[in-house]
């Protein structure tokens, strides 16, 4: 009976916070009560109602619940923007790619600082299936230079040439086309230009 009364008090406290639109405190009470569905519902409400510049830090568990919610729905900008603040954002993007959820990965990248592309580039295994997906992700997100470098590393020289062209690196684009036998030789000695860099 005592435990039942305690559970009722927990429910009442969480419902009061939720009724006053204090969704984050409600979520945290639900989480302590081991009610993941209710926790997620309040976290989603919190994300939808919050101003982007006035959001407190979430815990790892709270980010994880929001990410699991995002994986099952069409991307929601407010939630993607909040997830982009997670310390585990790179893992979330790779998890989305592994799960063939390209749309979610794309919204996460677009809501993240530009320097995240360099972090993703440094962490990807170019021998893995995710490498070509990440290159396509960079291309879709407008990170043309990173897309070009990764396409080149995985041996997709046609896509690499197209991305280098978009990035304004015509020399590297020409070199990639030469690798395909589609470019004009620049002389008897085919010396490639210096490797593309992240800069």
N, C-alpha and C. Protein backbone atom coordinates (compact mmCIF):
# COMPACT_ATOMS: atom_id res chain seq x y z
N UNK A 1 0.83 -1.20 0.00
CA UNK A 1 0.00 0.00 0.00
C UNK A 1 0.87 1.25 0.00
N UNK A 2 1.95 1.21 0.79
CA UNK A 2 2.86 2.33 0.87
C UNK A 2 3.49 2.64 -0.49
N UNK A 3 3.91 1.60 -1.20
CA UNK A 3 4.51 1.80 -2.52
C UNK A 3 3.49 2.35 -3.49
N UNK A 4 2.25 1.88 -3.41
CA UNK A 4 1.19 2.37 -4.28
C UNK A 4 0.94 3.85 -4.03
N UNK A 5 0.92 4.25 -2.75
CA UNK A 5 0.72 5.66 -2.43
C UNK A 5 1.88 6.50 -2.95
N UNK A 6 3.10 5.96 -2.84
CA UNK A 6 4.28 6.68 -3.35
C UNK A 6 4.16 6.86 -4.87
N UNK A 7 3.76 5.81 -5.56
CA UNK A 7 3.62 5.90 -7.02
C UNK A 7 2.57 6.95 -7.40
N UNK A 8 1.50 6.99 -6.63
CA UNK A 8 0.46 7.98 -6.90
C UNK A 8 0.99 9.40 -6.70
N UNK A 9 1.83 9.59 -5.70
CA UNK A 9 2.41 10.90 -5.44
C UNK A 9 3.36 11.31 -6.58
N UNK A 10 4.13 10.33 -7.07
CA UNK A 10 5.03 10.58 -8.20
C UNK A 10 4.23 10.99 -9.42
N UNK A 11 3.19 10.22 -9.71
CA UNK A 11 2.34 10.53 -10.86
C UNK A 11 1.73 11.92 -10.74
N UNK A 12 1.25 12.25 -9.54
CA UNK A 12 0.61 13.54 -9.33
C UNK A 12 1.61 14.69 -9.52
N UNK A 13 2.83 14.51 -9.00
CA UNK A 13 3.85 15.55 -9.13
C UNK A 13 4.20 15.77 -10.60
N UNK A 14 4.40 14.67 -11.33
CA UNK A 14 4.74 14.78 -12.75
C UNK A 14 3.61 15.42 -13.54
N UNK A 15 2.37 15.02 -13.23
CA UNK A 15 1.22 15.57 -13.94
C UNK A 15 1.04 17.06 -13.65
N UNK A 16 1.38 17.48 -12.43
CA UNK A 16 1.29 18.91 -12.10
C UNK A 16 2.31 19.72 -12.89
N UNK A 17 3.54 19.21 -12.96
CA UNK A 17 4.55 19.89 -13.76
C UNK A 17 4.13 19.95 -15.23
N UNK A 18 3.59 18.84 -15.71
CA UNK A 18 3.19 18.79 -17.12
C UNK A 18 2.04 19.77 -17.37
N UNK A 19 1.09 19.84 -16.45
CA UNK A 19 -0.05 20.73 -16.62
C UNK A 19 0.39 22.20 -16.64
N UNK A 20 1.49 22.51 -15.95
CA UNK A 20 1.99 23.89 -15.93
C UNK A 20 3.02 24.11 -17.04
N UNK A 21 3.11 23.16 -17.97
CA UNK A 21 4.02 23.24 -19.12
C UNK A 21 5.49 23.21 -18.73
N UNK A 22 5.76 22.69 -17.55
CA UNK A 22 7.15 22.50 -17.13
C UNK A 22 7.54 21.06 -17.51
N UNK A 23 7.72 20.87 -18.81
CA UNK A 23 7.85 19.52 -19.35
C UNK A 23 9.15 18.84 -18.97
N UNK A 24 10.22 19.61 -18.82
CA UNK A 24 11.49 18.97 -18.50
C UNK A 24 11.49 18.40 -17.09
N UNK A 25 10.96 19.16 -16.13
CA UNK A 25 10.88 18.64 -14.76
C UNK A 25 9.93 17.44 -14.71
N UNK A 26 8.85 17.51 -15.47
CA UNK A 26 7.93 16.37 -15.52
C UNK A 26 8.64 15.14 -16.08
N UNK A 27 9.41 15.33 -17.15
CA UNK A 27 10.14 14.22 -17.76
C UNK A 27 11.10 13.59 -16.76
N UNK A 28 11.77 14.43 -15.99
CA UNK A 28 12.76 13.91 -15.05
C UNK A 28 12.11 13.14 -13.90
N UNK A 29 10.92 13.56 -13.52
CA UNK A 29 10.20 12.78 -12.49
C UNK A 29 9.75 11.44 -13.07
N UNK A 30 9.24 11.47 -14.30
CA UNK A 30 8.83 10.22 -14.94
C UNK A 30 10.03 9.28 -15.10
N UNK A 31 11.20 9.85 -15.41
CA UNK A 31 12.38 9.01 -15.58
C UNK A 31 12.77 8.34 -14.27
N UNK A 32 12.71 9.07 -13.16
CA UNK A 32 13.03 8.48 -11.85
C UNK A 32 12.03 7.39 -11.49
N UNK A 33 10.82 7.53 -12.02
CA UNK A 33 9.78 6.52 -11.76
C UNK A 33 9.85 5.36 -12.75
N UNK A 34 10.89 5.38 -13.62
CA UNK A 34 11.09 4.32 -14.61
C UNK A 34 9.89 4.20 -15.55
N UNK A 35 9.47 5.35 -16.06
CA UNK A 35 8.35 5.40 -17.01
C UNK A 35 8.87 5.99 -18.32
N UNK A 36 9.59 5.20 -19.12
CA UNK A 36 10.25 5.74 -20.32
C UNK A 36 9.31 6.36 -21.34
N UNK A 37 8.12 5.79 -21.51
CA UNK A 37 7.20 6.35 -22.49
C UNK A 37 6.73 7.74 -22.08
N UNK A 38 6.36 7.88 -20.82
CA UNK A 38 5.92 9.18 -20.33
C UNK A 38 7.09 10.18 -20.35
N UNK A 39 8.28 9.68 -20.02
CA UNK A 39 9.46 10.54 -20.05
C UNK A 39 9.67 11.08 -21.45
N UNK A 40 9.60 10.19 -22.44
CA UNK A 40 9.82 10.60 -23.83
C UNK A 40 8.76 11.60 -24.28
N UNK A 41 7.50 11.35 -23.93
CA UNK A 41 6.42 12.25 -24.31
C UNK A 41 6.69 13.67 -23.79
N UNK A 42 7.15 13.77 -22.56
CA UNK A 42 7.41 15.10 -21.99
C UNK A 42 8.66 15.73 -22.58
N UNK A 43 9.67 14.92 -22.89
CA UNK A 43 10.86 15.47 -23.53
C UNK A 43 10.54 16.02 -24.91
N UNK A 44 9.68 15.33 -25.64
CA UNK A 44 9.26 15.81 -26.96
C UNK A 44 8.49 17.12 -26.82
N UNK A 45 7.60 17.19 -25.87
CA UNK A 45 6.85 18.43 -25.63
C UNK A 45 7.81 19.55 -25.25
N UNK A 46 8.80 19.22 -24.43
CA UNK A 46 9.81 20.21 -24.02
C UNK A 46 10.56 20.73 -25.24
N UNK A 47 10.99 19.83 -26.12
CA UNK A 47 11.73 20.23 -27.31
C UNK A 47 10.88 21.11 -28.22
N UNK A 48 9.62 20.77 -28.37
CA UNK A 48 8.73 21.52 -29.27
C UNK A 48 8.40 22.91 -28.71
N UNK A 49 8.42 23.04 -27.38
CA UNK A 49 7.98 24.30 -26.77
C UNK A 49 9.14 25.24 -26.43
N UNK A 50 10.39 24.77 -26.54
CA UNK A 50 11.53 25.55 -26.07
C UNK A 50 12.07 26.49 -27.14
N UNK A 51 12.60 27.61 -26.69
CA UNK A 51 13.32 28.52 -27.56
C UNK A 51 14.74 27.98 -27.73
N UNK A 52 15.25 27.93 -28.97
CA UNK A 52 16.56 27.31 -29.22
C UNK A 52 17.69 27.93 -28.40
N UNK A 53 17.61 29.23 -28.11
CA UNK A 53 18.69 29.90 -27.39
C UNK A 53 18.55 29.80 -25.88
N UNK A 54 17.50 29.14 -25.42
CA UNK A 54 17.24 29.12 -23.98
C UNK A 54 16.93 27.70 -23.50
N UNK A 55 17.79 26.76 -23.90
CA UNK A 55 17.56 25.36 -23.56
C UNK A 55 18.65 24.89 -22.60
N UNK A 56 18.27 24.39 -21.42
CA UNK A 56 19.29 23.88 -20.49
C UNK A 56 19.90 22.59 -21.01
N UNK A 57 21.02 22.22 -20.42
CA UNK A 57 21.68 20.98 -20.84
C UNK A 57 20.84 19.77 -20.44
N UNK A 58 20.76 18.81 -21.35
CA UNK A 58 20.08 17.56 -21.05
C UNK A 58 21.10 16.52 -20.64
N UNK A 59 20.62 15.47 -19.97
CA UNK A 59 21.50 14.37 -19.59
C UNK A 59 21.66 13.42 -20.77
N UNK A 60 22.65 12.52 -20.67
CA UNK A 60 22.87 11.53 -21.73
C UNK A 60 21.62 10.67 -21.93
N UNK A 61 20.99 10.28 -20.82
CA UNK A 61 19.79 9.44 -20.93
C UNK A 61 18.65 10.18 -21.63
N UNK A 62 18.52 11.47 -21.35
CA UNK A 62 17.46 12.25 -21.99
C UNK A 62 17.72 12.39 -23.49
N UNK A 63 18.97 12.64 -23.86
CA UNK A 63 19.31 12.70 -25.28
C UNK A 63 19.04 11.35 -25.95
N UNK A 64 19.37 10.27 -25.27
CA UNK A 64 19.17 8.93 -25.86
C UNK A 64 17.69 8.66 -26.12
N UNK A 65 16.84 9.04 -25.18
CA UNK A 65 15.40 8.82 -25.37
C UNK A 65 14.87 9.66 -26.53
N UNK A 66 15.33 10.90 -26.64
CA UNK A 66 14.90 11.74 -27.77
C UNK A 66 15.38 11.17 -29.10
N UNK A 67 16.61 10.64 -29.10
CA UNK A 67 17.14 10.06 -30.34
C UNK A 67 16.33 8.83 -30.74
N UNK A 68 16.00 7.98 -29.78
CA UNK A 68 15.20 6.80 -30.11
C UNK A 68 13.84 7.21 -30.65
N UNK A 69 13.28 8.28 -30.11
CA UNK A 69 12.01 8.79 -30.64
C UNK A 69 12.21 9.28 -32.08
N UNK A 70 13.29 10.03 -32.30
CA UNK A 70 13.54 10.60 -33.63
C UNK A 70 13.75 9.52 -34.69
N UNK A 71 14.29 8.38 -34.29
CA UNK A 71 14.55 7.30 -35.25
C UNK A 71 13.26 6.69 -35.79
N UNK A 72 12.18 6.87 -35.07
CA UNK A 72 10.92 6.23 -35.48
C UNK A 72 9.95 7.18 -36.15
N UNK A 73 10.33 8.45 -36.27
CA UNK A 73 9.43 9.46 -36.83
C UNK A 73 10.10 10.18 -37.98
N UNK A 74 9.31 10.94 -38.73
CA UNK A 74 9.91 11.85 -39.70
C UNK A 74 10.64 12.94 -38.92
N UNK A 75 11.79 13.41 -39.45
CA UNK A 75 12.56 14.40 -38.70
C UNK A 75 11.75 15.63 -38.33
N UNK A 76 11.90 16.05 -37.08
CA UNK A 76 11.25 17.25 -36.57
C UNK A 76 12.35 18.26 -36.27
N UNK A 77 12.33 19.43 -36.90
CA UNK A 77 13.44 20.39 -36.76
C UNK A 77 13.80 20.71 -35.32
N UNK A 78 12.79 20.91 -34.47
CA UNK A 78 13.09 21.28 -33.08
C UNK A 78 13.85 20.17 -32.36
N UNK A 79 13.47 18.91 -32.64
CA UNK A 79 14.14 17.80 -31.98
C UNK A 79 15.54 17.59 -32.56
N UNK A 80 15.67 17.72 -33.87
CA UNK A 80 16.99 17.59 -34.49
C UNK A 80 17.93 18.67 -33.99
N UNK A 81 17.41 19.88 -33.84
CA UNK A 81 18.23 20.97 -33.32
C UNK A 81 18.69 20.71 -31.89
N UNK A 82 17.82 20.11 -31.10
CA UNK A 82 18.18 19.80 -29.72
C UNK A 82 19.19 18.65 -29.68
N UNK A 83 18.98 17.63 -30.51
CA UNK A 83 19.91 16.50 -30.55
C UNK A 83 21.30 16.93 -30.99
N UNK A 84 21.36 17.96 -31.84
CA UNK A 84 22.65 18.43 -32.34
C UNK A 84 23.53 18.96 -31.21
N UNK A 85 22.94 19.24 -30.05
CA UNK A 85 23.71 19.72 -28.90
C UNK A 85 24.25 18.59 -28.06
N UNK A 86 23.92 17.36 -28.41
CA UNK A 86 24.37 16.22 -27.62
C UNK A 86 25.86 15.98 -27.78
N UNK A 87 26.56 15.63 -26.69
CA UNK A 87 27.98 15.27 -26.81
C UNK A 87 28.19 14.03 -27.68
N UNK A 88 27.11 13.27 -27.90
CA UNK A 88 27.22 12.04 -28.70
C UNK A 88 26.64 12.22 -30.10
N UNK A 89 26.65 13.46 -30.62
CA UNK A 89 26.02 13.72 -31.90
C UNK A 89 26.67 12.91 -33.03
N UNK A 90 28.00 12.75 -33.02
CA UNK A 90 28.63 11.98 -34.10
C UNK A 90 28.16 10.53 -34.07
N UNK A 91 28.04 9.95 -32.89
CA UNK A 91 27.55 8.57 -32.78
C UNK A 91 26.11 8.48 -33.28
N UNK A 92 25.30 9.49 -32.95
CA UNK A 92 23.91 9.48 -33.41
C UNK A 92 23.84 9.50 -34.94
N UNK A 93 24.70 10.30 -35.55
CA UNK A 93 24.68 10.39 -37.02
C UNK A 93 25.11 9.07 -37.63
N UNK A 94 26.17 8.47 -37.10
CA UNK A 94 26.60 7.17 -37.62
C UNK A 94 25.54 6.10 -37.38
N UNK A 95 24.90 6.13 -36.21
CA UNK A 95 23.83 5.17 -35.93
C UNK A 95 22.67 5.33 -36.91
N UNK A 96 22.36 6.58 -37.25
CA UNK A 96 21.29 6.82 -38.21
C UNK A 96 21.68 6.28 -39.59
N UNK A 97 22.93 6.46 -39.98
CA UNK A 97 23.39 5.94 -41.28
C UNK A 97 23.36 4.41 -41.30
N UNK A 98 23.84 3.81 -40.21
CA UNK A 98 23.84 2.34 -40.12
C UNK A 98 22.41 1.81 -40.19
N UNK A 99 21.48 2.55 -39.61
CA UNK A 99 20.08 2.15 -39.64
C UNK A 99 19.33 2.57 -40.89
N UNK A 100 20.09 3.03 -41.89
CA UNK A 100 19.51 3.47 -43.17
C UNK A 100 18.50 4.61 -43.00
N UNK A 101 18.73 5.43 -41.98
CA UNK A 101 17.85 6.58 -41.76
C UNK A 101 18.60 7.83 -42.22
N UNK A 102 18.74 7.94 -43.55
CA UNK A 102 19.52 9.02 -44.14
C UNK A 102 18.89 10.37 -43.84
N UNK A 103 17.58 10.43 -43.85
CA UNK A 103 16.88 11.71 -43.63
C UNK A 103 17.16 12.25 -42.24
N UNK A 104 17.17 11.38 -41.23
CA UNK A 104 17.48 11.83 -39.88
C UNK A 104 18.93 12.28 -39.79
N UNK A 105 19.85 11.50 -40.37
CA UNK A 105 21.26 11.88 -40.35
C UNK A 105 21.46 13.25 -41.00
N UNK A 106 20.75 13.49 -42.09
CA UNK A 106 20.89 14.76 -42.81
C UNK A 106 20.42 15.93 -41.96
N UNK A 107 19.28 15.79 -41.30
CA UNK A 107 18.78 16.89 -40.47
C UNK A 107 19.70 17.14 -39.28
N UNK A 108 20.31 16.08 -38.75
CA UNK A 108 21.24 16.26 -37.64
C UNK A 108 22.48 17.02 -38.09
N UNK A 109 23.01 16.68 -39.28
CA UNK A 109 24.18 17.38 -39.79
C UNK A 109 23.85 18.84 -40.08
N UNK A 110 22.70 19.08 -40.68
CA UNK A 110 22.32 20.46 -41.02
C UNK A 110 22.10 21.32 -39.79
N UNK A 111 21.74 20.69 -38.67
CA UNK A 111 21.52 21.45 -37.44
C UNK A 111 22.77 21.57 -36.58
N UNK A 112 23.88 21.01 -37.05
CA UNK A 112 25.12 21.00 -36.28
C UNK A 112 26.10 22.04 -36.82
N UNK A 113 27.06 22.47 -36.01
CA UNK A 113 28.08 23.41 -36.50
C UNK A 113 28.86 22.80 -37.66
N UNK A 114 29.37 23.65 -38.54
CA UNK A 114 30.08 23.17 -39.73
C UNK A 114 31.29 22.32 -39.39
N UNK A 115 31.93 22.61 -38.26
CA UNK A 115 33.14 21.86 -37.94
C UNK A 115 32.86 20.39 -37.63
N UNK A 116 31.59 20.03 -37.42
CA UNK A 116 31.27 18.64 -37.16
C UNK A 116 31.63 17.76 -38.35
N UNK A 117 31.56 18.32 -39.57
CA UNK A 117 31.90 17.53 -40.76
C UNK A 117 33.32 17.01 -40.67
N UNK A 118 34.25 17.85 -40.18
CA UNK A 118 35.62 17.40 -40.01
C UNK A 118 35.75 16.29 -38.99
N UNK A 119 34.97 16.37 -37.92
CA UNK A 119 34.98 15.33 -36.90
C UNK A 119 34.47 14.01 -37.48
N UNK A 120 33.38 14.07 -38.22
CA UNK A 120 32.84 12.86 -38.85
C UNK A 120 33.86 12.26 -39.83
N UNK A 121 34.50 13.14 -40.59
CA UNK A 121 35.49 12.70 -41.57
C UNK A 121 36.64 11.96 -40.89
N UNK A 122 37.06 12.46 -39.73
CA UNK A 122 38.20 11.86 -39.04
C UNK A 122 37.84 10.53 -38.36
N UNK A 123 36.55 10.32 -38.11
CA UNK A 123 36.15 9.13 -37.38
C UNK A 123 35.66 7.99 -38.27
N UNK A 124 35.34 8.27 -39.54
CA UNK A 124 34.78 7.23 -40.38
C UNK A 124 35.86 6.27 -40.85
N UNK A 125 35.51 5.02 -40.92
CA UNK A 125 36.39 4.00 -41.50
C UNK A 125 36.08 3.93 -43.00
N UNK A 126 37.05 4.33 -43.83
CA UNK A 126 36.77 4.42 -45.27
C UNK A 126 36.52 3.05 -45.90
N UNK A 127 36.82 1.97 -45.16
CA UNK A 127 36.55 0.63 -45.66
C UNK A 127 35.13 0.16 -45.31
N UNK A 128 34.43 0.95 -44.51
CA UNK A 128 33.10 0.52 -44.05
C UNK A 128 32.02 0.95 -45.03
N UNK A 129 30.87 0.28 -45.00
CA UNK A 129 29.75 0.68 -45.87
C UNK A 129 29.25 2.09 -45.56
N UNK A 130 29.49 2.56 -44.32
CA UNK A 130 29.00 3.89 -43.95
C UNK A 130 29.78 5.01 -44.62
N UNK A 131 30.98 4.69 -45.13
CA UNK A 131 31.82 5.74 -45.72
C UNK A 131 31.14 6.36 -46.94
N UNK A 132 30.60 5.53 -47.83
CA UNK A 132 29.94 6.07 -49.02
C UNK A 132 28.65 6.80 -48.64
N UNK A 133 27.98 6.31 -47.59
CA UNK A 133 26.77 7.00 -47.12
C UNK A 133 27.12 8.36 -46.53
N UNK A 134 28.25 8.41 -45.82
CA UNK A 134 28.67 9.69 -45.23
C UNK A 134 29.07 10.67 -46.32
N UNK A 135 29.72 10.18 -47.38
CA UNK A 135 30.09 11.06 -48.50
C UNK A 135 28.83 11.64 -49.13
N UNK A 136 27.81 10.79 -49.33
CA UNK A 136 26.54 11.27 -49.89
C UNK A 136 25.87 12.26 -48.94
N UNK A 137 26.02 12.01 -47.64
CA UNK A 137 25.46 12.91 -46.63
C UNK A 137 26.12 14.28 -46.71
N UNK A 138 27.45 14.29 -46.79
CA UNK A 138 28.16 15.56 -46.95
C UNK A 138 27.68 16.31 -48.18
N UNK A 139 27.52 15.57 -49.28
CA UNK A 139 27.10 16.20 -50.53
C UNK A 139 25.71 16.83 -50.38
N UNK A 140 24.80 16.11 -49.76
CA UNK A 140 23.43 16.61 -49.58
C UNK A 140 23.39 17.79 -48.62
N UNK A 141 24.32 17.83 -47.66
CA UNK A 141 24.35 18.90 -46.67
C UNK A 141 25.13 20.12 -47.15
N UNK A 142 25.72 20.04 -48.35
CA UNK A 142 26.46 21.17 -48.88
C UNK A 142 27.92 21.24 -48.45
N UNK A 143 28.42 20.16 -47.83
CA UNK A 143 29.83 20.09 -47.45
C UNK A 143 30.59 19.45 -48.62
N UNK A 144 30.70 20.19 -49.72
CA UNK A 144 31.20 19.61 -50.96
C UNK A 144 32.64 19.15 -50.87
N UNK A 145 33.48 19.89 -50.18
CA UNK A 145 34.89 19.49 -50.11
C UNK A 145 35.06 18.19 -49.33
N UNK A 146 34.36 18.07 -48.22
CA UNK A 146 34.44 16.82 -47.46
C UNK A 146 33.86 15.67 -48.28
N UNK A 147 32.76 15.92 -48.99
CA UNK A 147 32.17 14.90 -49.84
C UNK A 147 33.18 14.45 -50.89
N UNK A 148 33.84 15.40 -51.52
CA UNK A 148 34.80 15.09 -52.57
C UNK A 148 35.95 14.24 -52.04
N UNK A 149 36.50 14.65 -50.89
CA UNK A 149 37.63 13.92 -50.32
C UNK A 149 37.25 12.48 -49.98
N UNK A 150 36.04 12.31 -49.44
CA UNK A 150 35.63 10.97 -49.04
C UNK A 150 35.27 10.12 -50.26
N UNK A 151 34.60 10.72 -51.25
CA UNK A 151 34.33 9.98 -52.48
C UNK A 151 35.64 9.51 -53.11
N UNK A 152 36.65 10.38 -53.10
CA UNK A 152 37.94 10.00 -53.68
C UNK A 152 38.58 8.85 -52.90
N UNK A 153 38.50 8.91 -51.58
CA UNK A 153 39.12 7.87 -50.76
C UNK A 153 38.46 6.51 -50.96
N UNK A 154 37.15 6.50 -51.21
CA UNK A 154 36.47 5.22 -51.40
C UNK A 154 36.51 4.77 -52.86
N UNK A 155 37.12 5.58 -53.74
CA UNK A 155 37.29 5.17 -55.13
C UNK A 155 36.17 5.55 -56.07
N UNK A 156 35.24 6.40 -55.61
CA UNK A 156 34.16 6.86 -56.49
C UNK A 156 34.62 8.18 -57.13
N UNK A 157 35.46 8.05 -58.17
CA UNK A 157 36.10 9.23 -58.74
C UNK A 157 35.13 10.12 -59.51
N UNK A 158 34.07 9.55 -60.05
CA UNK A 158 33.08 10.37 -60.76
C UNK A 158 32.40 11.33 -59.77
N UNK A 159 31.93 10.78 -58.66
CA UNK A 159 31.28 11.63 -57.65
C UNK A 159 32.28 12.59 -57.03
N UNK A 160 33.52 12.12 -56.86
CA UNK A 160 34.55 12.99 -56.31
C UNK A 160 34.79 14.19 -57.22
N UNK A 161 34.88 13.93 -58.53
CA UNK A 161 35.11 15.02 -59.48
C UNK A 161 33.97 16.03 -59.44
N UNK A 162 32.74 15.54 -59.37
CA UNK A 162 31.59 16.44 -59.32
C UNK A 162 31.62 17.30 -58.06
N UNK A 163 31.98 16.68 -56.92
CA UNK A 163 32.01 17.43 -55.66
C UNK A 163 33.18 18.41 -55.62
N UNK A 164 34.33 18.01 -56.18
CA UNK A 164 35.46 18.95 -56.23
C UNK A 164 35.11 20.15 -57.12
N UNK A 165 34.38 19.90 -58.20
CA UNK A 165 33.93 21.01 -59.06
C UNK A 165 33.06 21.97 -58.26
N UNK A 166 32.11 21.43 -57.49
CA UNK A 166 31.23 22.27 -56.68
C UNK A 166 32.02 23.06 -55.64
N UNK A 167 33.10 22.44 -55.14
CA UNK A 167 33.92 23.09 -54.12
C UNK A 167 34.92 24.08 -54.73
N UNK A 168 34.96 24.15 -56.06
CA UNK A 168 35.85 25.08 -56.73
C UNK A 168 37.26 24.59 -56.92
N UNK A 169 37.50 23.29 -56.69
CA UNK A 169 38.84 22.72 -56.85
C UNK A 169 38.90 22.00 -58.20
N UNK A 170 39.11 22.78 -59.27
CA UNK A 170 39.06 22.20 -60.61
C UNK A 170 40.27 21.29 -60.89
N UNK A 171 41.42 21.58 -60.28
CA UNK A 171 42.59 20.72 -60.50
C UNK A 171 42.35 19.32 -59.97
N UNK A 172 41.80 19.26 -58.75
CA UNK A 172 41.55 17.93 -58.17
C UNK A 172 40.42 17.23 -58.92
N UNK A 173 39.45 18.00 -59.39
CA UNK A 173 38.36 17.41 -60.18
C UNK A 173 38.92 16.81 -61.46
N UNK A 174 39.83 17.53 -62.12
CA UNK A 174 40.44 17.03 -63.36
C UNK A 174 41.24 15.76 -63.09
N UNK A 175 41.94 15.73 -61.98
CA UNK A 175 42.73 14.54 -61.62
C UNK A 175 41.81 13.33 -61.45
N UNK A 176 40.68 13.53 -60.77
CA UNK A 176 39.74 12.42 -60.56
C UNK A 176 39.17 11.93 -61.90
N UNK A 177 38.89 12.86 -62.80
CA UNK A 177 38.40 12.46 -64.12
C UNK A 177 39.47 11.70 -64.89
N UNK A 178 40.73 12.09 -64.74
CA UNK A 178 41.81 11.36 -65.38
C UNK A 178 41.87 9.93 -64.87
N UNK A 179 41.61 9.76 -63.58
CA UNK A 179 41.61 8.40 -63.00
C UNK A 179 40.55 7.53 -63.66
N UNK A 180 39.50 8.19 -64.16
CA UNK A 180 38.44 7.46 -64.85
C UNK A 180 38.71 7.34 -66.35
N UNK A 181 39.76 8.03 -66.83
CA UNK A 181 40.03 8.04 -68.26
C UNK A 181 39.14 9.00 -69.01
N UNK A 182 38.54 9.96 -68.29
CA UNK A 182 37.62 10.90 -68.93
C UNK A 182 38.21 12.29 -69.09
N UNK A 183 39.34 12.53 -68.44
CA UNK A 183 39.93 13.86 -68.51
C UNK A 183 41.03 13.95 -69.54
N UNK A 184 41.43 15.16 -69.85
CA UNK A 184 42.52 15.38 -70.79
C UNK A 184 43.85 15.31 -70.05
N UNK A 185 44.81 14.51 -70.55
CA UNK A 185 46.13 14.45 -69.90
C UNK A 185 46.77 15.83 -69.87
N UNK A 186 47.41 16.13 -68.76
CA UNK A 186 48.03 17.44 -68.63
C UNK A 186 49.51 17.41 -68.98
N UNK A 187 49.99 16.32 -69.59
CA UNK A 187 51.39 16.21 -69.95
C UNK A 187 51.81 14.76 -69.89
N UNK A 188 53.06 14.51 -70.21
CA UNK A 188 53.51 13.12 -70.27
C UNK A 188 53.62 12.51 -68.87
N UNK A 189 53.89 13.34 -67.88
CA UNK A 189 53.98 12.84 -66.51
C UNK A 189 52.72 13.25 -65.75
N UNK A 190 51.95 12.25 -65.33
CA UNK A 190 50.70 12.54 -64.62
C UNK A 190 50.99 12.62 -63.13
N UNK A 191 51.35 13.78 -62.69
CA UNK A 191 51.60 13.99 -61.27
C UNK A 191 50.34 14.56 -60.64
N UNK A 192 49.78 13.84 -59.68
CA UNK A 192 48.53 14.34 -59.08
C UNK A 192 48.78 15.59 -58.29
N UNK A 193 47.79 16.46 -58.18
CA UNK A 193 47.93 17.63 -57.32
C UNK A 193 48.06 17.18 -55.87
N UNK A 194 48.51 18.06 -55.00
CA UNK A 194 48.62 17.67 -53.59
C UNK A 194 47.29 17.15 -53.07
N UNK A 195 47.32 16.19 -52.15
CA UNK A 195 46.07 15.65 -51.60
C UNK A 195 45.19 16.76 -51.05
N UNK A 196 43.89 16.59 -51.22
CA UNK A 196 42.96 17.58 -50.67
C UNK A 196 43.06 17.57 -49.15
N UNK A 197 42.91 18.73 -48.59
CA UNK A 197 42.98 18.85 -47.13
C UNK A 197 41.66 19.34 -46.59
N UNK A 198 41.53 19.32 -45.27
CA UNK A 198 40.28 19.74 -44.63
C UNK A 198 40.11 21.25 -44.65
N UNK A 199 41.17 21.97 -44.89
CA UNK A 199 41.10 23.44 -44.78
C UNK A 199 40.19 24.03 -45.83
